[in-house]
Amino acid sequence: MFHFLADDVWRSLSFLRRRKNCTLFHGSSLDKALRNKSVTTVCLFFRPSPREVLKWAESLEALLTNQYGLVVFRHFLRSEFSEENLDFWLAVERFKRIRPLSKMAARATKIYEEY
């Protein structure tokens, strides 16, 4: 079963194997997202290898810790009208790293009010 999932991910993300640069399909919204100035450096210098992309099928954490994967996943979530779920998860992950602990209450309140 895992083999079929990996094959599906491999085919779905085949654009990563075919392209030498960041342009995907001219005019696509993913292409525009990857050309955004805030992700240009990520796209040009941190393009994942096919092996790394296959790890995304095994681990959501592997996807979310890869900047390129995060851009692609955010694009997908936006198309499903659920981008705020990723924003919430990222806010909680940042919350877990807050030091000193005295700042946690204020940050927790901010997360609660925002989401």
N, C-alpha and C. Protein backbone atom coordinates (compact mmCIF):
# COMPACT_ATOMS: atom_id res chain seq x y z
N MET A 1 0.82 -1.19 0.00
CA MET A 1 0.00 0.00 0.00
C MET A 1 0.87 1.26 0.00
N PHE A 2 1.93 1.26 0.83
CA PHE A 2 2.81 2.43 0.87
C PHE A 2 3.42 2.69 -0.50
N HIS A 3 3.75 1.63 -1.21
CA HIS A 3 4.35 1.78 -2.54
C HIS A 3 3.43 2.57 -3.46
N PHE A 4 2.12 2.30 -3.39
CA PHE A 4 1.16 3.03 -4.23
C PHE A 4 1.09 4.50 -3.84
N LEU A 5 1.15 4.78 -2.53
CA LEU A 5 1.14 6.15 -2.06
C LEU A 5 2.38 6.89 -2.55
N ALA A 6 3.53 6.25 -2.43
CA ALA A 6 4.78 6.88 -2.89
C ALA A 6 4.73 7.14 -4.39
N ASP A 7 4.19 6.19 -5.16
CA ASP A 7 4.06 6.39 -6.61
C ASP A 7 3.14 7.55 -6.92
N ASP A 8 2.06 7.66 -6.17
CA ASP A 8 1.11 8.75 -6.38
C ASP A 8 1.76 10.10 -6.10
N VAL A 9 2.50 10.19 -4.99
CA VAL A 9 3.20 11.43 -4.66
C VAL A 9 4.24 11.74 -5.72
N TRP A 10 4.96 10.70 -6.16
CA TRP A 10 5.99 10.88 -7.19
C TRP A 10 5.38 11.48 -8.45
N ARG A 11 4.25 10.95 -8.90
CA ARG A 11 3.60 11.48 -10.11
C ARG A 11 3.03 12.87 -9.88
N SER A 12 2.40 13.07 -8.72
CA SER A 12 1.77 14.36 -8.43
C SER A 12 2.78 15.49 -8.38
N LEU A 13 3.97 15.19 -7.90
CA LEU A 13 4.99 16.23 -7.76
C LEU A 13 6.07 16.11 -8.84
N SER A 14 5.71 15.54 -9.95
CA SER A 14 6.68 15.33 -11.02
C SER A 14 7.25 16.63 -11.57
N PHE A 15 6.51 17.73 -11.38
CA PHE A 15 7.03 19.00 -11.88
C PHE A 15 8.36 19.35 -11.23
N LEU A 16 8.62 18.84 -10.03
CA LEU A 16 9.89 19.12 -9.36
C LEU A 16 11.05 18.43 -10.06
N ARG A 17 10.77 17.29 -10.69
CA ARG A 17 11.82 16.56 -11.39
C ARG A 17 12.10 17.16 -12.75
N ARG A 18 11.09 17.67 -13.43
CA ARG A 18 11.22 18.10 -14.81
C ARG A 18 11.88 19.45 -14.99
N ARG A 19 11.69 20.33 -14.05
CA ARG A 19 12.12 21.72 -14.24
C ARG A 19 13.47 21.99 -13.62
N LYS A 20 14.28 22.73 -14.33
CA LYS A 20 15.57 23.15 -13.80
C LYS A 20 15.45 24.47 -13.05
N ASN A 21 14.39 25.22 -13.34
CA ASN A 21 14.21 26.51 -12.67
C ASN A 21 12.86 26.53 -11.97
N CYS A 22 12.44 27.67 -11.50
CA CYS A 22 11.22 27.76 -10.71
C CYS A 22 9.96 27.86 -11.54
N THR A 23 10.04 28.13 -12.81
CA THR A 23 8.81 28.29 -13.56
C THR A 23 8.17 26.95 -13.78
N LEU A 24 6.90 26.88 -13.51
CA LEU A 24 6.17 25.65 -13.65
C LEU A 24 5.32 25.73 -14.90
N PHE A 25 4.08 26.01 -14.74
CA PHE A 25 3.18 26.16 -15.87
C PHE A 25 2.82 27.63 -15.94
N HIS A 26 3.18 28.28 -17.01
CA HIS A 26 3.02 29.72 -17.13
C HIS A 26 1.62 30.14 -16.74
N GLY A 27 1.55 31.05 -15.78
CA GLY A 27 0.28 31.59 -15.37
C GLY A 27 -0.41 30.81 -14.26
N SER A 28 0.12 29.66 -13.85
CA SER A 28 -0.55 28.92 -12.78
C SER A 28 -0.35 29.64 -11.45
N SER A 29 -1.28 29.44 -10.54
CA SER A 29 -1.17 30.12 -9.26
C SER A 29 0.00 29.58 -8.44
N LEU A 30 0.35 28.31 -8.60
CA LEU A 30 1.53 27.79 -7.91
C LEU A 30 2.79 28.42 -8.46
N ASP A 31 2.85 28.60 -9.76
CA ASP A 31 3.99 29.27 -10.37
C ASP A 31 4.13 30.68 -9.79
N LYS A 32 3.02 31.38 -9.66
CA LYS A 32 3.05 32.74 -9.10
C LYS A 32 3.50 32.71 -7.65
N ALA A 33 3.03 31.72 -6.89
CA ALA A 33 3.43 31.62 -5.48
C ALA A 33 4.92 31.37 -5.37
N LEU A 34 5.47 30.53 -6.23
CA LEU A 34 6.89 30.22 -6.16
C LEU A 34 7.75 31.37 -6.68
N ARG A 35 7.17 32.26 -7.50
CA ARG A 35 7.93 33.42 -7.98
C ARG A 35 7.82 34.60 -7.04
N ASN A 36 7.00 34.49 -6.01
CA ASN A 36 6.83 35.55 -5.03
C ASN A 36 8.19 35.89 -4.43
N LYS A 37 8.47 37.18 -4.26
CA LYS A 37 9.79 37.59 -3.77
C LYS A 37 10.15 36.94 -2.44
N SER A 38 9.17 36.69 -1.58
CA SER A 38 9.49 36.12 -0.27
C SER A 38 9.96 34.68 -0.37
N VAL A 39 9.68 33.99 -1.48
CA VAL A 39 10.11 32.60 -1.60
C VAL A 39 11.11 32.39 -2.72
N THR A 40 11.53 33.45 -3.39
CA THR A 40 12.46 33.31 -4.51
C THR A 40 13.74 32.60 -4.08
N THR A 41 14.32 33.01 -2.96
CA THR A 41 15.55 32.39 -2.48
C THR A 41 15.30 30.92 -2.17
N VAL A 42 14.20 30.63 -1.52
CA VAL A 42 13.86 29.24 -1.20
C VAL A 42 13.78 28.42 -2.47
N CYS A 43 13.09 28.95 -3.47
CA CYS A 43 12.87 28.23 -4.71
C CYS A 43 14.17 28.00 -5.46
N LEU A 44 15.02 29.00 -5.52
CA LEU A 44 16.23 28.88 -6.30
C LEU A 44 17.31 28.04 -5.64
N PHE A 45 17.42 28.13 -4.33
CA PHE A 45 18.55 27.50 -3.67
C PHE A 45 18.20 26.26 -2.85
N PHE A 46 16.93 26.04 -2.56
CA PHE A 46 16.56 24.93 -1.70
C PHE A 46 15.55 24.01 -2.38
N ARG A 47 15.62 23.90 -3.68
CA ARG A 47 14.72 23.01 -4.40
C ARG A 47 14.98 21.58 -3.95
N PRO A 48 13.95 20.87 -3.53
CA PRO A 48 14.18 19.53 -2.98
C PRO A 48 14.50 18.50 -4.05
N SER A 49 15.23 17.50 -3.63
CA SER A 49 15.52 16.39 -4.53
C SER A 49 14.29 15.49 -4.59
N PRO A 50 14.19 14.66 -5.63
CA PRO A 50 13.05 13.71 -5.68
C PRO A 50 12.97 12.82 -4.44
N ARG A 51 14.12 12.43 -3.90
CA ARG A 51 14.13 11.60 -2.68
C ARG A 51 13.51 12.36 -1.51
N GLU A 52 13.84 13.65 -1.40
CA GLU A 52 13.29 14.47 -0.32
C GLU A 52 11.78 14.62 -0.48
N VAL A 53 11.33 14.80 -1.71
CA VAL A 53 9.89 14.93 -1.97
C VAL A 53 9.17 13.65 -1.57
N LEU A 54 9.75 12.51 -1.83
CA LEU A 54 9.13 11.24 -1.44
C LEU A 54 9.01 11.13 0.08
N LYS A 55 9.91 11.75 0.82
CA LYS A 55 9.81 11.74 2.28
C LYS A 55 8.56 12.46 2.75
N TRP A 56 8.09 13.42 1.95
CA TRP A 56 6.88 14.15 2.32
C TRP A 56 5.68 13.22 2.41
N ALA A 57 5.66 12.16 1.62
CA ALA A 57 4.56 11.19 1.67
C ALA A 57 4.59 10.39 2.97
N GLU A 58 5.75 10.30 3.58
CA GLU A 58 5.91 9.53 4.81
C GLU A 58 5.72 10.37 6.05
N SER A 59 5.98 11.67 5.95
CA SER A 59 6.01 12.50 7.15
C SER A 59 5.56 13.92 6.85
N LEU A 60 4.50 14.33 7.52
CA LEU A 60 4.05 15.71 7.39
C LEU A 60 5.12 16.66 7.94
N GLU A 61 5.80 16.23 8.98
CA GLU A 61 6.87 17.05 9.55
C GLU A 61 7.98 17.30 8.52
N ALA A 62 8.31 16.27 7.74
CA ALA A 62 9.33 16.43 6.70
C ALA A 62 8.88 17.47 5.67
N LEU A 63 7.62 17.47 5.34
CA LEU A 63 7.07 18.45 4.40
C LEU A 63 7.13 19.85 4.98
N LEU A 64 6.70 19.99 6.22
CA LEU A 64 6.58 21.32 6.83
C LEU A 64 7.91 21.91 7.26
N THR A 65 8.93 21.10 7.39
CA THR A 65 10.25 21.64 7.74
C THR A 65 11.07 21.97 6.50
N ASN A 66 10.55 21.66 5.34
CA ASN A 66 11.21 22.01 4.08
C ASN A 66 10.52 23.27 3.55
N GLN A 67 11.27 24.35 3.36
CA GLN A 67 10.66 25.62 2.95
C GLN A 67 9.92 25.52 1.62
N TYR A 68 10.48 24.80 0.69
CA TYR A 68 9.83 24.62 -0.61
C TYR A 68 8.54 23.82 -0.43
N GLY A 69 8.61 22.77 0.38
CA GLY A 69 7.43 21.96 0.66
C GLY A 69 6.34 22.77 1.33
N LEU A 70 6.74 23.66 2.23
CA LEU A 70 5.78 24.51 2.92
C LEU A 70 5.06 25.42 1.94
N VAL A 71 5.78 25.97 0.98
CA VAL A 71 5.16 26.84 -0.04
C VAL A 71 4.15 26.04 -0.87
N VAL A 72 4.55 24.85 -1.29
CA VAL A 72 3.66 24.02 -2.12
C VAL A 72 2.44 23.58 -1.31
N PHE A 73 2.66 23.18 -0.05
CA PHE A 73 1.55 22.75 0.79
C PHE A 73 0.59 23.90 1.09
N ARG A 74 1.15 25.08 1.37
CA ARG A 74 0.31 26.26 1.61
C ARG A 74 -0.55 26.55 0.38
N HIS A 75 0.03 26.42 -0.80
CA HIS A 75 -0.72 26.64 -2.04
C HIS A 75 -1.89 25.64 -2.13
N PHE A 76 -1.61 24.38 -1.82
CA PHE A 76 -2.67 23.38 -1.84
C PHE A 76 -3.77 23.72 -0.84
N LEU A 77 -3.38 24.07 0.38
CA LEU A 77 -4.38 24.40 1.40
C LEU A 77 -5.21 25.61 0.99
N ARG A 78 -4.58 26.58 0.36
CA ARG A 78 -5.31 27.76 -0.12
C ARG A 78 -6.38 27.34 -1.12
N SER A 79 -6.05 26.39 -1.98
CA SER A 79 -7.02 25.93 -2.98
C SER A 79 -8.18 25.17 -2.33
N GLU A 80 -7.96 24.67 -1.12
CA GLU A 80 -9.00 23.95 -0.37
C GLU A 80 -9.66 24.84 0.68
N PHE A 81 -9.34 26.12 0.67
CA PHE A 81 -9.87 27.10 1.62
C PHE A 81 -9.58 26.71 3.07
N SER A 82 -8.39 26.20 3.31
CA SER A 82 -8.03 25.81 4.68
C SER A 82 -6.61 26.22 5.05
N GLU A 83 -6.14 27.28 4.45
CA GLU A 83 -4.79 27.78 4.73
C GLU A 83 -4.64 28.17 6.20
N GLU A 84 -5.73 28.62 6.83
CA GLU A 84 -5.66 29.04 8.23
C GLU A 84 -5.29 27.88 9.15
N ASN A 85 -5.56 26.64 8.74
CA ASN A 85 -5.15 25.49 9.55
C ASN A 85 -3.63 25.42 9.66
N LEU A 86 -2.95 25.67 8.56
CA LEU A 86 -1.49 25.68 8.57
C LEU A 86 -0.98 26.85 9.41
N ASP A 87 -1.60 28.01 9.26
CA ASP A 87 -1.18 29.17 10.05
C ASP A 87 -1.30 28.89 11.54
N PHE A 88 -2.41 28.23 11.93
CA PHE A 88 -2.61 27.88 13.34
C PHE A 88 -1.52 26.90 13.80
N TRP A 89 -1.26 25.87 13.02
CA TRP A 89 -0.25 24.88 13.40
C TRP A 89 1.12 25.54 13.56
N LEU A 90 1.48 26.40 12.61
CA LEU A 90 2.78 27.08 12.69
C LEU A 90 2.85 27.99 13.92
N ALA A 91 1.74 28.66 14.24
CA ALA A 91 1.70 29.52 15.43
C ALA A 91 1.91 28.69 16.69
N VAL A 92 1.29 27.53 16.76
CA VAL A 92 1.46 26.65 17.93
C VAL A 92 2.89 26.13 18.00
N GLU A 93 3.48 25.78 16.87
CA GLU A 93 4.87 25.32 16.88
C GLU A 93 5.81 26.42 17.37
N ARG A 94 5.57 27.66 16.95
CA ARG A 94 6.38 28.78 17.46
C ARG A 94 6.14 28.97 18.95
N PHE A 95 4.88 28.80 19.38
CA PHE A 95 4.51 28.93 20.79
C PHE A 95 5.30 27.94 21.65
N LYS A 96 5.47 26.74 21.18
CA LYS A 96 6.19 25.71 21.93
C LYS A 96 7.64 26.10 22.21
N ARG A 97 8.20 26.99 21.39
CA ARG A 97 9.61 27.37 21.53
C ARG A 97 9.80 28.68 22.29
N ILE A 98 8.72 29.25 22.81
CA ILE A 98 8.82 30.55 23.49
C ILE A 98 9.65 30.43 24.77
N ARG A 99 10.58 31.34 24.88
CA ARG A 99 11.38 31.48 26.10
C ARG A 99 11.52 32.97 26.35
N PRO A 100 11.41 33.46 27.53
CA PRO A 100 11.12 32.78 28.78
C PRO A 100 9.65 32.35 28.86
N LEU A 101 9.40 31.41 29.73
CA LEU A 101 8.06 30.85 29.86
C LEU A 101 7.02 31.89 30.27
N SER A 102 7.46 32.97 30.89
CA SER A 102 6.53 34.03 31.32
C SER A 102 5.82 34.68 30.14
N LYS A 103 6.38 34.57 28.94
CA LYS A 103 5.76 35.17 27.75
C LYS A 103 4.71 34.25 27.12
N MET A 104 4.63 33.00 27.60
CA MET A 104 3.72 32.04 26.99
C MET A 104 2.26 32.43 27.14
N ALA A 105 1.87 32.95 28.29
CA ALA A 105 0.45 33.28 28.54
C ALA A 105 -0.03 34.34 27.54
N ALA A 106 0.78 35.36 27.33
CA ALA A 106 0.39 36.42 26.40
C ALA A 106 0.29 35.87 24.97
N ARG A 107 1.23 35.04 24.60
CA ARG A 107 1.21 34.45 23.24
C ARG A 107 0.02 33.50 23.08
N ALA A 108 -0.28 32.73 24.12
CA ALA A 108 -1.44 31.81 24.08
C ALA A 108 -2.73 32.61 23.88
N THR A 109 -2.85 33.71 24.57
CA THR A 109 -4.03 34.56 24.41
C THR A 109 -4.13 35.10 22.99
N LYS A 110 -3.01 35.51 22.44
CA LYS A 110 -3.00 36.03 21.07
C LYS A 110 -3.42 34.94 20.06
N ILE A 111 -2.90 33.73 20.23
CA ILE A 111 -3.29 32.62 19.35
C ILE A 111 -4.77 32.33 19.50
N TYR A 112 -5.27 32.29 20.73
CA TYR A 112 -6.68 32.02 20.97
C TYR A 112 -7.57 33.07 20.29
N GLU A 113 -7.19 34.34 20.41
CA GLU A 113 -8.00 35.42 19.81
C GLU A 113 -7.94 35.39 18.29
N GLU A 114 -6.79 35.01 17.74
CA GLU A 114 -6.63 35.02 16.30
C GLU A 114 -7.30 33.83 15.61
N TYR A 115 -7.27 32.67 16.27
CA TYR A 115 -7.82 31.47 15.63
C TYR A 115 -9.04 30.95 16.32
